[in-house]
Amino acid sequence: MRHGSVVDEDWRGSDRFAPERSRRHPVPLPPGVACHAIAGSLAAVNANGRGMRGDGIVTIASALGRHRDPRLDLALPPSNRWIAANTGHLALLSSVAVSERMVSVLARAGGALRR
C-alpha cells in the first residue's frame, strides 16, 4: 500500500521504489456500506485532528481517508471517523478504547439491520 497504491494500474510499468509522484487511481468505497475509519495519535486529540502527527507510521489524514485531491478523498462523514488519543500504530491492535469504539459501531449497525 505504499503511497496508497492499491490497484495494479497504480504501479504497473514503473519502478515501485522510485521517488516519483503517485499515479493512484481512485478506488471508491462500496455503495450501500457504512464505512468507518480509526486513526491513532501519539498525542492528545484536538477537535478535528488536523495538524496532528499521527500514530508514528500513518498520518491522521491518511488513516481517516482524507486527501487534498477530491477524487482520492474517501469523504467519510465526521461521525464515521474517530481518533484514538495517545495510541501508536501497533497499540491500536490492543487498545481498549479502539475495541469499545468498534463494538459500539457494530452494535449500531446490527440494530439497523434488524429494523
PDB file of N, CA and C in Angstrom:
ATOM      1  N   MET A   1       0.816  -1.187   0.000  1.00  0.00           N
ATOM      2  CA  MET A   1       0.000   0.000   0.000  1.00  0.00           C
ATOM      3  C   MET A   1       0.865   1.259   0.000  1.00  0.00           C
ATOM      4  N   ARG A   2       2.093   1.113  -0.391  1.00  0.00           N
ATOM      5  CA  ARG A   2       2.982   2.272  -0.408  1.00  0.00           C
ATOM      6  C   ARG A   2       2.370   3.385  -1.238  1.00  0.00           C
ATOM      7  N   HIS A   3       2.308   4.571  -0.697  1.00  0.00           N
ATOM      8  CA  HIS A   3       1.733   5.746  -1.354  1.00  0.00           C
ATOM      9  C   HIS A   3       0.254   5.575  -1.655  1.00  0.00           C
ATOM     10  N   GLY A   4      -0.403   4.640  -1.031  1.00  0.00           N
ATOM     11  CA  GLY A   4      -1.824   4.458  -1.277  1.00  0.00           C
ATOM     12  C   GLY A   4      -2.136   3.747  -2.571  1.00  0.00           C
ATOM     13  N   SER A   5      -1.160   3.127  -3.170  1.00  0.00           N
ATOM     14  CA  SER A   5      -1.370   2.396  -4.421  1.00  0.00           C
ATOM     15  C   SER A   5      -1.939   1.021  -4.095  1.00  0.00           C
ATOM     16  N   VAL A   6      -3.196   0.807  -4.454  1.00  0.00           N
ATOM     17  CA  VAL A   6      -3.852  -0.440  -4.081  1.00  0.00           C
ATOM     18  C   VAL A   6      -4.345  -1.257  -5.269  1.00  0.00           C
ATOM     19  N   VAL A   7      -4.238  -0.721  -6.472  1.00  0.00           N
ATOM     20  CA  VAL A   7      -4.621  -1.489  -7.660  1.00  0.00           C
ATOM     21  C   VAL A   7      -3.412  -1.591  -8.590  1.00  0.00           C
ATOM     22  N   ASP A   8      -3.356  -2.644  -9.378  1.00  0.00           N
ATOM     23  CA  ASP A   8      -2.203  -2.895 -10.242  1.00  0.00           C
ATOM     24  C   ASP A   8      -1.872  -1.712 -11.147  1.00  0.00           C
ATOM     25  N   GLU A   9      -2.884  -1.030 -11.653  1.00  0.00           N
ATOM     26  CA  GLU A   9      -2.657   0.089 -12.573  1.00  0.00           C
ATOM     27  C   GLU A   9      -1.877   1.235 -11.924  1.00  0.00           C
ATOM     28  N   ASP A  10      -1.855   1.297 -10.620  1.00  0.00           N
ATOM     29  CA  ASP A  10      -1.133   2.363  -9.920  1.00  0.00           C
ATOM     30  C   ASP A  10       0.377   2.248 -10.080  1.00  0.00           C
ATOM     31  N   TRP A  11       0.885   1.038 -10.242  1.00  0.00           N
ATOM     32  CA  TRP A  11       2.340   0.866 -10.283  1.00  0.00           C
ATOM     33  C   TRP A  11       2.838   0.063 -11.468  1.00  0.00           C
ATOM     34  N   ARG A  12       1.927  -0.519 -12.252  1.00  0.00           N
ATOM     35  CA  ARG A  12       2.347  -1.334 -13.401  1.00  0.00           C
ATOM     36  C   ARG A  12       3.196  -0.502 -14.376  1.00  0.00           C
ATOM     37  N   GLY A  13       4.331  -1.058 -14.771  1.00  0.00           N
ATOM     38  CA  GLY A  13       5.198  -0.399 -15.744  1.00  0.00           C
ATOM     39  C   GLY A  13       6.116   0.656 -15.156  1.00  0.00           C
ATOM     40  N   SER A  14       6.187   0.745 -13.829  1.00  0.00           N
ATOM     41  CA  SER A  14       7.085   1.727 -13.222  1.00  0.00           C
ATOM     42  C   SER A  14       7.829   1.079 -12.057  1.00  0.00           C
ATOM     43  N   ASP A  15       8.879   1.745 -11.641  1.00  0.00           N
ATOM     44  CA  ASP A  15       9.667   1.277 -10.502  1.00  0.00           C
ATOM     45  C   ASP A  15       8.909   1.645  -9.234  1.00  0.00           C
ATOM     46  N   ARG A  16       8.406   0.652  -8.506  1.00  0.00           N
ATOM     47  CA  ARG A  16       7.585   0.943  -7.337  1.00  0.00           C
ATOM     48  C   ARG A  16       8.366   1.608  -6.217  1.00  0.00           C
ATOM     49  N   PHE A  17       9.697   1.599  -6.291  1.00  0.00           N
ATOM     50  CA  PHE A  17      10.510   2.239  -5.264  1.00  0.00           C
ATOM     51  C   PHE A  17      11.038   3.607  -5.706  1.00  0.00           C
ATOM     52  N   ALA A  18      10.735   4.017  -6.935  1.00  0.00           N
ATOM     53  CA  ALA A  18      11.189   5.315  -7.435  1.00  0.00           C
ATOM     54  C   ALA A  18      10.471   6.433  -6.676  1.00  0.00           C
ATOM     55  N   PRO A  19      11.141   7.562  -6.478  1.00  0.00           N
ATOM     56  CA  PRO A  19      10.533   8.664  -5.728  1.00  0.00           C
ATOM     57  C   PRO A  19       9.555   9.510  -6.544  1.00  0.00           C
ATOM     58  N   GLU A  20       9.032   8.981  -7.626  1.00  0.00           N
ATOM     59  CA  GLU A  20       8.101   9.750  -8.456  1.00  0.00           C
ATOM     60  C   GLU A  20       6.760   9.949  -7.758  1.00  0.00           C
ATOM     61  N   ARG A  21       6.001  10.901  -8.249  1.00  0.00           N
ATOM     62  CA  ARG A  21       4.671  11.147  -7.691  1.00  0.00           C
ATOM     63  C   ARG A  21       3.757   9.962  -7.978  1.00  0.00           C
ATOM     64  N   SER A  22       2.821   9.782  -7.122  1.00  0.00           N
ATOM     65  CA  SER A  22       1.871   8.684  -7.229  1.00  0.00           C
ATOM     66  C   SER A  22       1.010   8.805  -8.480  1.00  0.00           C
ATOM     67  N   ARG A  23       0.676   7.659  -9.056  1.00  0.00           N
ATOM     68  CA  ARG A  23      -0.246   7.613 -10.197  1.00  0.00           C
ATOM     69  C   ARG A  23      -1.522   6.881  -9.764  1.00  0.00           C
ATOM     70  N   ARG A  24      -1.940   7.149  -8.563  1.00  0.00           N
ATOM     71  CA  ARG A  24      -3.083   6.431  -7.999  1.00  0.00           C
ATOM     72  C   ARG A  24      -4.360   6.625  -8.806  1.00  0.00           C
ATOM     73  N   HIS A  25      -5.109   5.554  -8.879  1.00  0.00           N
ATOM     74  CA  HIS A  25      -6.435   5.585  -9.481  1.00  0.00           C
ATOM     75  C   HIS A  25      -7.449   5.580  -8.336  1.00  0.00           C
ATOM     76  N   PRO A  26      -8.470   6.414  -8.418  1.00  0.00           N
ATOM     77  CA  PRO A  26      -9.472   6.420  -7.346  1.00  0.00           C
ATOM     78  C   PRO A  26     -10.140   5.047  -7.209  1.00  0.00           C
ATOM     79  N   VAL A  27     -10.297   4.616  -5.978  1.00  0.00           N
ATOM     80  CA  VAL A  27     -11.000   3.369  -5.673  1.00  0.00           C
ATOM     81  C   VAL A  27     -12.114   3.745  -4.697  1.00  0.00           C
ATOM     82  N   PRO A  28     -13.340   3.856  -5.185  1.00  0.00           N
ATOM     83  CA  PRO A  28     -14.423   4.295  -4.304  1.00  0.00           C
ATOM     84  C   PRO A  28     -14.781   3.237  -3.262  1.00  0.00           C
ATOM     85  N   LEU A  29     -15.344   3.718  -2.184  1.00  0.00           N
ATOM     86  CA  LEU A  29     -15.859   2.795  -1.174  1.00  0.00           C
ATOM     87  C   LEU A  29     -17.086   2.094  -1.735  1.00  0.00           C
ATOM     88  N   PRO A  30     -17.402   0.910  -1.255  1.00  0.00           N
ATOM     89  CA  PRO A  30     -18.549   0.177  -1.800  1.00  0.00           C
ATOM     90  C   PRO A  30     -19.858   0.903  -1.508  1.00  0.00           C
ATOM     91  N   PRO A  31     -20.743   0.981  -2.489  1.00  0.00           N
ATOM     92  CA  PRO A  31     -22.022   1.651  -2.267  1.00  0.00           C
ATOM     93  C   PRO A  31     -22.891   0.870  -1.278  1.00  0.00           C
ATOM     94  N   GLY A  32     -23.639   1.595  -0.466  1.00  0.00           N
ATOM     95  CA  GLY A  32     -24.552   0.963   0.475  1.00  0.00           C
ATOM     96  C   GLY A  32     -23.908   0.383   1.708  1.00  0.00           C
ATOM     97  N   VAL A  33     -22.607   0.626   1.906  1.00  0.00           N
ATOM     98  CA  VAL A  33     -21.891   0.111   3.072  1.00  0.00           C
ATOM     99  C   VAL A  33     -21.480   1.290   3.948  1.00  0.00           C
ATOM    100  N   ALA A  34     -21.801   1.229   5.224  1.00  0.00           N
ATOM    101  CA  ALA A  34     -21.397   2.280   6.158  1.00  0.00           C
ATOM    102  C   ALA A  34     -19.940   2.048   6.530  1.00  0.00           C
ATOM    103  N   CYS A  35     -19.049   2.785   5.919  1.00  0.00           N
ATOM    104  CA  CYS A  35     -17.617   2.625   6.170  1.00  0.00           C
ATOM    105  C   CYS A  35     -17.172   3.561   7.293  1.00  0.00           C
ATOM    106  N   HIS A  36     -16.223   3.105   8.084  1.00  0.00           N
ATOM    107  CA  HIS A  36     -15.692   3.856   9.221  1.00  0.00           C
ATOM    108  C   HIS A  36     -14.179   3.798   9.182  1.00  0.00           C
ATOM    109  N   ALA A  37     -13.534   4.775   9.840  1.00  0.00           N
ATOM    110  CA  ALA A  37     -12.082   4.801   9.919  1.00  0.00           C
ATOM    111  C   ALA A  37     -11.652   5.186  11.326  1.00  0.00           C
ATOM    112  N   ILE A  38     -10.594   4.550  11.778  1.00  0.00           N
ATOM    113  CA  ILE A  38     -10.000   4.861  13.077  1.00  0.00           C
ATOM    114  C   ILE A  38      -8.537   5.216  12.849  1.00  0.00           C
ATOM    115  N   ALA A  39      -8.114   6.332  13.435  1.00  0.00           N
ATOM    116  CA  ALA A  39      -6.719   6.763  13.358  1.00  0.00           C
ATOM    117  C   ALA A  39      -6.132   6.752  14.761  1.00  0.00           C
ATOM    118  N   GLY A  40      -4.850   6.496  14.846  1.00  0.00           N
ATOM    119  CA  GLY A  40      -4.151   6.606  16.115  1.00  0.00           C
ATOM    120  C   GLY A  40      -3.382   7.908  16.153  1.00  0.00           C
ATOM    121  N   SER A  41      -3.203   8.459  17.340  1.00  0.00           N
ATOM    122  CA  SER A  41      -2.426   9.675  17.521  1.00  0.00           C
ATOM    123  C   SER A  41      -1.490   9.489  18.711  1.00  0.00           C
ATOM    124  N   LEU A  42      -0.248   9.851  18.528  1.00  0.00           N
ATOM    125  CA  LEU A  42       0.709   9.768  19.632  1.00  0.00           C
ATOM    126  C   LEU A  42       0.520  10.897  20.629  1.00  0.00           C
ATOM    127  N   ALA A  43      -0.374  11.808  20.332  1.00  0.00           N
ATOM    128  CA  ALA A  43      -0.635  12.955  21.205  1.00  0.00           C
ATOM    129  C   ALA A  43      -2.092  12.956  21.633  1.00  0.00           C
ATOM    130  N   ALA A  44      -2.407  13.879  22.527  1.00  0.00           N
ATOM    131  CA  ALA A  44      -3.809  14.085  22.880  1.00  0.00           C
ATOM    132  C   ALA A  44      -4.507  14.632  21.639  1.00  0.00           C
ATOM    133  N   VAL A  45      -5.774  14.369  21.506  1.00  0.00           N
ATOM    134  CA  VAL A  45      -6.524  14.738  20.300  1.00  0.00           C
ATOM    135  C   VAL A  45      -7.107  16.129  20.439  1.00  0.00           C
ATOM    136  N   ASN A  46      -6.945  16.922  19.361  1.00  0.00           N
ATOM    137  CA  ASN A  46      -7.624  18.211  19.332  1.00  0.00           C
ATOM    138  C   ASN A  46      -8.983  18.034  18.656  1.00  0.00           C
ATOM    139  N   ALA A  47      -9.726  19.078  18.467  1.00  0.00           N
ATOM    140  CA  ALA A  47     -11.113  18.989  17.997  1.00  0.00           C
ATOM    141  C   ALA A  47     -11.272  18.265  16.668  1.00  0.00           C
ATOM    142  N   ASN A  48     -10.377  18.502  15.703  1.00  0.00           N
ATOM    143  CA  ASN A  48     -10.584  17.903  14.379  1.00  0.00           C
ATOM    144  C   ASN A  48      -9.432  17.032  13.901  1.00  0.00           C
ATOM    145  N   GLY A  49      -8.394  16.887  14.684  1.00  0.00           N
ATOM    146  CA  GLY A  49      -7.282  16.034  14.310  1.00  0.00           C
ATOM    147  C   GLY A  49      -6.310  16.666  13.335  1.00  0.00           C
ATOM    148  N   ARG A  50      -6.624  17.835  12.818  1.00  0.00           N
ATOM    149  CA  ARG A  50      -5.728  18.477  11.840  1.00  0.00           C
ATOM    150  C   ARG A  50      -4.450  18.944  12.533  1.00  0.00           C
ATOM    151  N   GLY A  51      -3.336  18.808  11.839  1.00  0.00           N
ATOM    152  CA  GLY A  51      -2.063  19.234  12.374  1.00  0.00           C
ATOM    153  C   GLY A  51      -1.436  18.243  13.340  1.00  0.00           C
ATOM    154  N   MET A  52      -2.102  17.149  13.598  1.00  0.00           N
ATOM    155  CA  MET A  52      -1.552  16.143  14.496  1.00  0.00           C
ATOM    156  C   MET A  52      -0.609  15.239  13.710  1.00  0.00           C
ATOM    157  N   ARG A  53       0.306  14.600  14.391  1.00  0.00           N
ATOM    158  CA  ARG A  53       1.331  13.846  13.685  1.00  0.00           C
ATOM    159  C   ARG A  53       0.966  12.395  13.396  1.00  0.00           C
ATOM    160  N   GLY A  54      -0.091  11.884  13.916  1.00  0.00           N
ATOM    161  CA  GLY A  54      -0.491  10.523  13.618  1.00  0.00           C
ATOM    162  C   GLY A  54       0.024   9.517  14.621  1.00  0.00           C
ATOM    163  N   ASP A  55       0.059   8.256  14.204  1.00  0.00           N
ATOM    164  CA  ASP A  55       0.373   7.159  15.124  1.00  0.00           C
ATOM    165  C   ASP A  55       1.822   6.714  15.082  1.00  0.00           C
ATOM    166  N   GLY A  56       2.669   7.482  14.413  1.00  0.00           N
ATOM    167  CA  GLY A  56       4.078   7.130  14.297  1.00  0.00           C
ATOM    168  C   GLY A  56       4.402   6.466  12.970  1.00  0.00           C
ATOM    169  N   ILE A  57       3.400   5.968  12.274  1.00  0.00           N
ATOM    170  CA  ILE A  57       3.581   5.362  10.959  1.00  0.00           C
ATOM    171  C   ILE A  57       2.623   5.981   9.936  1.00  0.00           C
ATOM    172  N   VAL A  58       1.368   6.142  10.322  1.00  0.00           N
ATOM    173  CA  VAL A  58       0.330   6.637   9.414  1.00  0.00           C
ATOM    174  C   VAL A  58      -0.150   8.001   9.909  1.00  0.00           C
ATOM    175  N   THR A  59      -0.270   8.964   8.991  1.00  0.00           N
ATOM    176  CA  THR A  59      -0.777  10.279   9.374  1.00  0.00           C
ATOM    177  C   THR A  59      -2.268  10.195   9.684  1.00  0.00           C
ATOM    178  N   ILE A  60      -2.751  11.164  10.439  1.00  0.00           N
ATOM    179  CA  ILE A  60      -4.180  11.240  10.753  1.00  0.00           C
ATOM    180  C   ILE A  60      -4.987  11.322   9.462  1.00  0.00           C
ATOM    181  N   ALA A  61      -4.585  12.197   8.554  1.00  0.00           N
ATOM    182  CA  ALA A  61      -5.326  12.379   7.307  1.00  0.00           C
ATOM    183  C   ALA A  61      -5.429  11.074   6.521  1.00  0.00           C
ATOM    184  N   SER A  62      -4.343  10.373   6.387  1.00  0.00           N
ATOM    185  CA  SER A  62      -4.344   9.119   5.630  1.00  0.00           C
ATOM    186  C   SER A  62      -5.227   8.073   6.299  1.00  0.00           C
ATOM    187  N   ALA A  63      -5.098   7.933   7.616  1.00  0.00           N
ATOM    188  CA  ALA A  63      -5.887   6.929   8.328  1.00  0.00           C
ATOM    189  C   ALA A  63      -7.382   7.198   8.221  1.00  0.00           C
ATOM    190  N   LEU A  64      -7.761   8.475   8.140  1.00  0.00           N
ATOM    191  CA  LEU A  64      -9.176   8.828   8.072  1.00  0.00           C
ATOM    192  C   LEU A  64      -9.684   8.976   6.637  1.00  0.00           C
ATOM    193  N   GLY A  65      -8.838   8.669   5.671  1.00  0.00           N
ATOM    194  CA  GLY A  65      -9.261   8.714   4.275  1.00  0.00           C
ATOM    195  C   GLY A  65      -9.354  10.104   3.692  1.00  0.00           C
ATOM    196  N   ARG A  66      -8.673  11.059   4.305  1.00  0.00           N
ATOM    197  CA  ARG A  66      -8.689  12.443   3.800  1.00  0.00           C
ATOM    198  C   ARG A  66      -7.579  12.628   2.770  1.00  0.00           C
ATOM    199  N   HIS A  67      -7.882  13.410   1.745  1.00  0.00           N
ATOM    200  CA  HIS A  67      -6.877  13.698   0.726  1.00  0.00           C
ATOM    201  C   HIS A  67      -7.171  15.053   0.108  1.00  0.00           C
ATOM    202  N   ARG A  68      -6.113  15.781  -0.256  1.00  0.00           N
ATOM    203  CA  ARG A  68      -6.303  17.092  -0.907  1.00  0.00           C
ATOM    204  C   ARG A  68      -7.020  16.966  -2.241  1.00  0.00           C
ATOM    205  N   ASP A  69      -6.782  15.878  -2.936  1.00  0.00           N
ATOM    206  CA  ASP A  69      -7.432  15.636  -4.224  1.00  0.00           C
ATOM    207  C   ASP A  69      -8.815  15.027  -3.954  1.00  0.00           C
ATOM    208  N   PRO A  70      -9.882  15.729  -4.296  1.00  0.00           N
ATOM    209  CA  PRO A  70     -11.232  15.217  -4.008  1.00  0.00           C
ATOM    210  C   PRO A  70     -11.507  13.834  -4.609  1.00  0.00           C
ATOM    211  N   ARG A  71     -10.829  13.487  -5.707  1.00  0.00           N
ATOM    212  CA  ARG A  71     -11.022  12.165  -6.313  1.00  0.00           C
ATOM    213  C   ARG A  71     -10.509  11.046  -5.410  1.00  0.00           C
ATOM    214  N   LEU A  72      -9.529  11.364  -4.560  1.00  0.00           N
ATOM    215  CA  LEU A  72      -8.903  10.361  -3.699  1.00  0.00           C
ATOM    216  C   LEU A  72      -9.388  10.429  -2.249  1.00  0.00           C
ATOM    217  N   ASP A  73     -10.162  11.447  -1.911  1.00  0.00           N
ATOM    218  CA  ASP A  73     -10.712  11.586  -0.570  1.00  0.00           C
ATOM    219  C   ASP A  73     -11.879  10.617  -0.403  1.00  0.00           C
ATOM    220  N   LEU A  74     -11.913   9.884   0.705  1.00  0.00           N
ATOM    221  CA  LEU A  74     -12.983   8.912   0.920  1.00  0.00           C
ATOM    222  C   LEU A  74     -14.292   9.554   1.369  1.00  0.00           C
ATOM    223  N   ALA A  75     -14.251  10.822   1.750  1.00  0.00           N
ATOM    224  CA  ALA A  75     -15.447  11.598   2.108  1.00  0.00           C
ATOM    225  C   ALA A  75     -16.301  10.907   3.172  1.00  0.00           C
ATOM    226  N   LEU A  76     -15.640  10.332   4.156  1.00  0.00           N
ATOM    227  CA  LEU A  76     -16.383   9.734   5.266  1.00  0.00           C
ATOM    228  C   LEU A  76     -16.998  10.850   6.102  1.00  0.00           C
ATOM    229  N   PRO A  77     -18.228  10.677   6.544  1.00  0.00           N
ATOM    230  CA  PRO A  77     -18.818  11.702   7.415  1.00  0.00           C
ATOM    231  C   PRO A  77     -18.056  11.758   8.741  1.00  0.00           C
ATOM    232  N   PRO A  78     -18.019  12.919   9.378  1.00  0.00           N
ATOM    233  CA  PRO A  78     -17.294  13.042  10.651  1.00  0.00           C
ATOM    234  C   PRO A  78     -17.714  12.002  11.684  1.00  0.00           C
ATOM    235  N   SER A  79     -18.970  11.620  11.697  1.00  0.00           N
ATOM    236  CA  SER A  79     -19.433  10.625  12.669  1.00  0.00           C
ATOM    237  C   SER A  79     -18.841   9.238  12.420  1.00  0.00           C
ATOM    238  N   ASN A  80     -18.261   9.015  11.245  1.00  0.00           N
ATOM    239  CA  ASN A  80     -17.675   7.713  10.901  1.00  0.00           C
ATOM    240  C   ASN A  80     -16.147   7.730  10.966  1.00  0.00           C
ATOM    241  N   ARG A  81     -15.593   8.818  11.511  1.00  0.00           N
ATOM    242  CA  ARG A  81     -14.146   8.930  11.703  1.00  0.00           C
ATOM    243  C   ARG A  81     -13.875   9.108  13.187  1.00  0.00           C
ATOM    244  N   TRP A  82     -12.830   8.440  13.681  1.00  0.00           N
ATOM    245  CA  TRP A  82     -12.510   8.542  15.096  1.00  0.00           C
ATOM    246  C   TRP A  82     -11.014   8.469  15.289  1.00  0.00           C
ATOM    247  N   ILE A  83     -10.501   9.241  16.252  1.00  0.00           N
ATOM    248  CA  ILE A  83      -9.071   9.276  16.538  1.00  0.00           C
ATOM    249  C   ILE A  83      -8.832   8.762  17.959  1.00  0.00           C
ATOM    250  N   ALA A  84      -7.989   7.761  18.074  1.00  0.00           N
ATOM    251  CA  ALA A  84      -7.603   7.210  19.371  1.00  0.00           C
ATOM    252  C   ALA A  84      -6.409   8.003  19.893  1.00  0.00           C
ATOM    253  N   ALA A  85      -6.643   8.789  20.928  1.00  0.00           N
ATOM    254  CA  ALA A  85      -5.590   9.628  21.500  1.00  0.00           C
ATOM    255  C   ALA A  85      -4.524   8.793  22.188  1.00  0.00           C
ATOM    256  N   ASN A  86      -3.305   9.305  22.166  1.00  0.00           N
ATOM    257  CA  ASN A  86      -2.179   8.671  22.861  1.00  0.00           C
ATOM    258  C   ASN A  86      -2.033   7.190  22.505  1.00  0.00           C
ATOM    259  N   THR A  87      -2.220   6.874  21.221  1.00  0.00           N
ATOM    260  CA  THR A  87      -2.180   5.480  20.770  1.00  0.00           C
ATOM    261  C   THR A  87      -1.310   5.369  19.520  1.00  0.00           C
ATOM    262  N   GLY A  88      -0.237   4.598  19.613  1.00  0.00           N
ATOM    263  CA  GLY A  88       0.639   4.367  18.476  1.00  0.00           C
ATOM    264  C   GLY A  88       0.064   3.331  17.519  1.00  0.00           C
ATOM    265  N   HIS A  89       0.709   3.193  16.399  1.00  0.00           N
ATOM    266  CA  HIS A  89       0.221   2.324  15.329  1.00  0.00           C
ATOM    267  C   HIS A  89      -0.054   0.895  15.806  1.00  0.00           C
ATOM    268  N   LEU A  90       0.917   0.245  16.378  1.00  0.00           N
ATOM    269  CA  LEU A  90       0.726  -1.135  16.826  1.00  0.00           C
ATOM    270  C   LEU A  90      -0.169  -1.216  18.055  1.00  0.00           C
ATOM    271  N   ALA A  91      -0.183  -0.167  18.863  1.00  0.00           N
ATOM    272  CA  ALA A  91      -1.033  -0.159  20.055  1.00  0.00           C
ATOM    273  C   ALA A  91      -2.515  -0.109  19.687  1.00  0.00           C
ATOM    274  N   LEU A  92      -2.838   0.282  18.471  1.00  0.00           N
ATOM    275  CA  LEU A  92      -4.246   0.267  18.033  1.00  0.00           C
ATOM    276  C   LEU A  92      -4.834  -1.141  18.153  1.00  0.00           C
ATOM    277  N   LEU A  93      -3.999  -2.149  17.922  1.00  0.00           N
ATOM    278  CA  LEU A  93      -4.466  -3.538  17.945  1.00  0.00           C
ATOM    279  C   LEU A  93      -4.954  -3.996  19.318  1.00  0.00           C
ATOM    280  N   SER A  94      -4.371  -3.458  20.374  1.00  0.00           N
ATOM    281  CA  SER A  94      -4.729  -3.914  21.717  1.00  0.00           C
ATOM    282  C   SER A  94      -5.394  -2.825  22.555  1.00  0.00           C
ATOM    283  N   SER A  95      -5.786  -1.738  21.923  1.00  0.00           N
ATOM    284  CA  SER A  95      -6.391  -0.625  22.644  1.00  0.00           C
ATOM    285  C   SER A  95      -7.824  -0.952  23.074  1.00  0.00           C
ATOM    286  N   VAL A  96      -8.094  -0.786  24.351  1.00  0.00           N
ATOM    287  CA  VAL A  96      -9.453  -0.987  24.862  1.00  0.00           C
ATOM    288  C   VAL A  96     -10.388   0.057  24.244  1.00  0.00           C
ATOM    289  N   ALA A  97      -9.931   1.300  24.134  1.00  0.00           N
ATOM    290  CA  ALA A  97     -10.764   2.362  23.559  1.00  0.00           C
ATOM    291  C   ALA A  97     -11.136   2.053  22.107  1.00  0.00           C
ATOM    292  N   VAL A  98     -10.183   1.542  21.334  1.00  0.00           N
ATOM    293  CA  VAL A  98     -10.460   1.181  19.940  1.00  0.00           C
ATOM    294  C   VAL A  98     -11.460   0.033  19.890  1.00  0.00           C
ATOM    295  N   SER A  99     -11.251  -0.959  20.722  1.00  0.00           N
ATOM    296  CA  SER A  99     -12.169  -2.093  20.768  1.00  0.00           C
ATOM    297  C   SER A  99     -13.583  -1.644  21.127  1.00  0.00           C
ATOM    298  N   GLU A 100     -13.696  -0.792  22.130  1.00  0.00           N
ATOM    299  CA  GLU A 100     -15.011  -0.290  22.529  1.00  0.00           C
ATOM    300  C   GLU A 100     -15.674   0.491  21.401  1.00  0.00           C
ATOM    301  N   ARG A 101     -14.889   1.287  20.696  1.00  0.00           N
ATOM    302  CA  ARG A 101     -15.439   2.055  19.571  1.00  0.00           C
ATOM    303  C   ARG A 101     -15.962   1.104  18.485  1.00  0.00           C
ATOM    304  N   MET A 102     -15.189   0.082  18.166  1.00  0.00           N
ATOM    305  CA  MET A 102     -15.607  -0.867  17.127  1.00  0.00           C
ATOM    306  C   MET A 102     -16.858  -1.632  17.546  1.00  0.00           C
ATOM    307  N   VAL A 103     -16.928  -2.057  18.788  1.00  0.00           N
ATOM    308  CA  VAL A 103     -18.113  -2.766  19.280  1.00  0.00           C
ATOM    309  C   VAL A 103     -19.330  -1.850  19.208  1.00  0.00           C
ATOM    310  N   SER A 104     -19.159  -0.601  19.583  1.00  0.00           N
ATOM    311  CA  SER A 104     -20.261   0.364  19.529  1.00  0.00           C
ATOM    312  C   SER A 104     -20.770   0.553  18.101  1.00  0.00           C
ATOM    313  N   VAL A 105     -19.856   0.718  17.163  1.00  0.00           N
ATOM    314  CA  VAL A 105     -20.234   0.896  15.751  1.00  0.00           C
ATOM    315  C   VAL A 105     -20.945  -0.347  15.230  1.00  0.00           C
ATOM    316  N   LEU A 106     -20.411  -1.505  15.527  1.00  0.00           N
ATOM    317  CA  LEU A 106     -21.023  -2.748  15.058  1.00  0.00           C
ATOM    318  C   LEU A 106     -22.380  -3.005  15.711  1.00  0.00           C
ATOM    319  N   ALA A 107     -22.526  -2.635  16.965  1.00  0.00           N
ATOM    320  CA  ALA A 107     -23.811  -2.808  17.648  1.00  0.00           C
ATOM    321  C   ALA A 107     -24.872  -1.920  17.008  1.00  0.00           C
ATOM    322  N   ARG A 108     -24.485  -0.684  16.677  1.00  0.00           N
ATOM    323  CA  ARG A 108     -25.435   0.220  15.994  1.00  0.00           C
ATOM    324  C   ARG A 108     -25.797  -0.329  14.629  1.00  0.00           C
ATOM    325  N   ALA A 109     -24.819  -0.867  13.926  1.00  0.00           N
ATOM    326  CA  ALA A 109     -25.085  -1.436  12.589  1.00  0.00           C
ATOM    327  C   ALA A 109     -25.985  -2.649  12.700  1.00  0.00           C
ATOM    328  N   GLY A 110     -25.769  -3.478  13.703  1.00  0.00           N
ATOM    329  CA  GLY A 110     -26.607  -4.643  13.899  1.00  0.00           C
ATOM    330  C   GLY A 110     -28.041  -4.268  14.178  1.00  0.00           C
ATOM    331  N   GLY A 111     -28.248  -3.217  14.970  1.00  0.00           N
ATOM    332  CA  GLY A 111     -29.588  -2.727  15.253  1.00  0.00           C
ATOM    333  C   GLY A 111     -30.271  -2.224  13.995  1.00  0.00           C
ATOM    334  N   ALA A 112     -29.508  -1.581  13.127  1.00  0.00           N
ATOM    335  CA  ALA A 112     -30.074  -1.074  11.866  1.00  0.00           C
ATOM    336  C   ALA A 112     -30.468  -2.219  10.962  1.00  0.00           C
ATOM    337  N   LEU A 113     -29.734  -3.331  11.015  1.00  0.00           N
ATOM    338  CA  LEU A 113     -30.044  -4.473  10.167  1.00  0.00           C
ATOM    339  C   LEU A 113     -31.317  -5.175  10.624  1.00  0.00           C
ATOM    340  N   ARG A 114     -31.603  -5.124  11.916  1.00  0.00           N
ATOM    341  CA  ARG A 114     -32.791  -5.818  12.437  1.00  0.00           C
ATOM    342  C   ARG A 114     -34.079  -5.056  12.164  1.00  0.00           C
ATOM    343  N   ARG A 115     -33.978  -3.795  11.819  1.00  0.00           N
ATOM    344  CA  ARG A 115     -35.182  -2.992  11.594  1.00  0.00           C
ATOM    345  C   ARG A 115     -35.880  -3.362  10.316  1.00  0.00           C
TER     346      ARG A 115
END
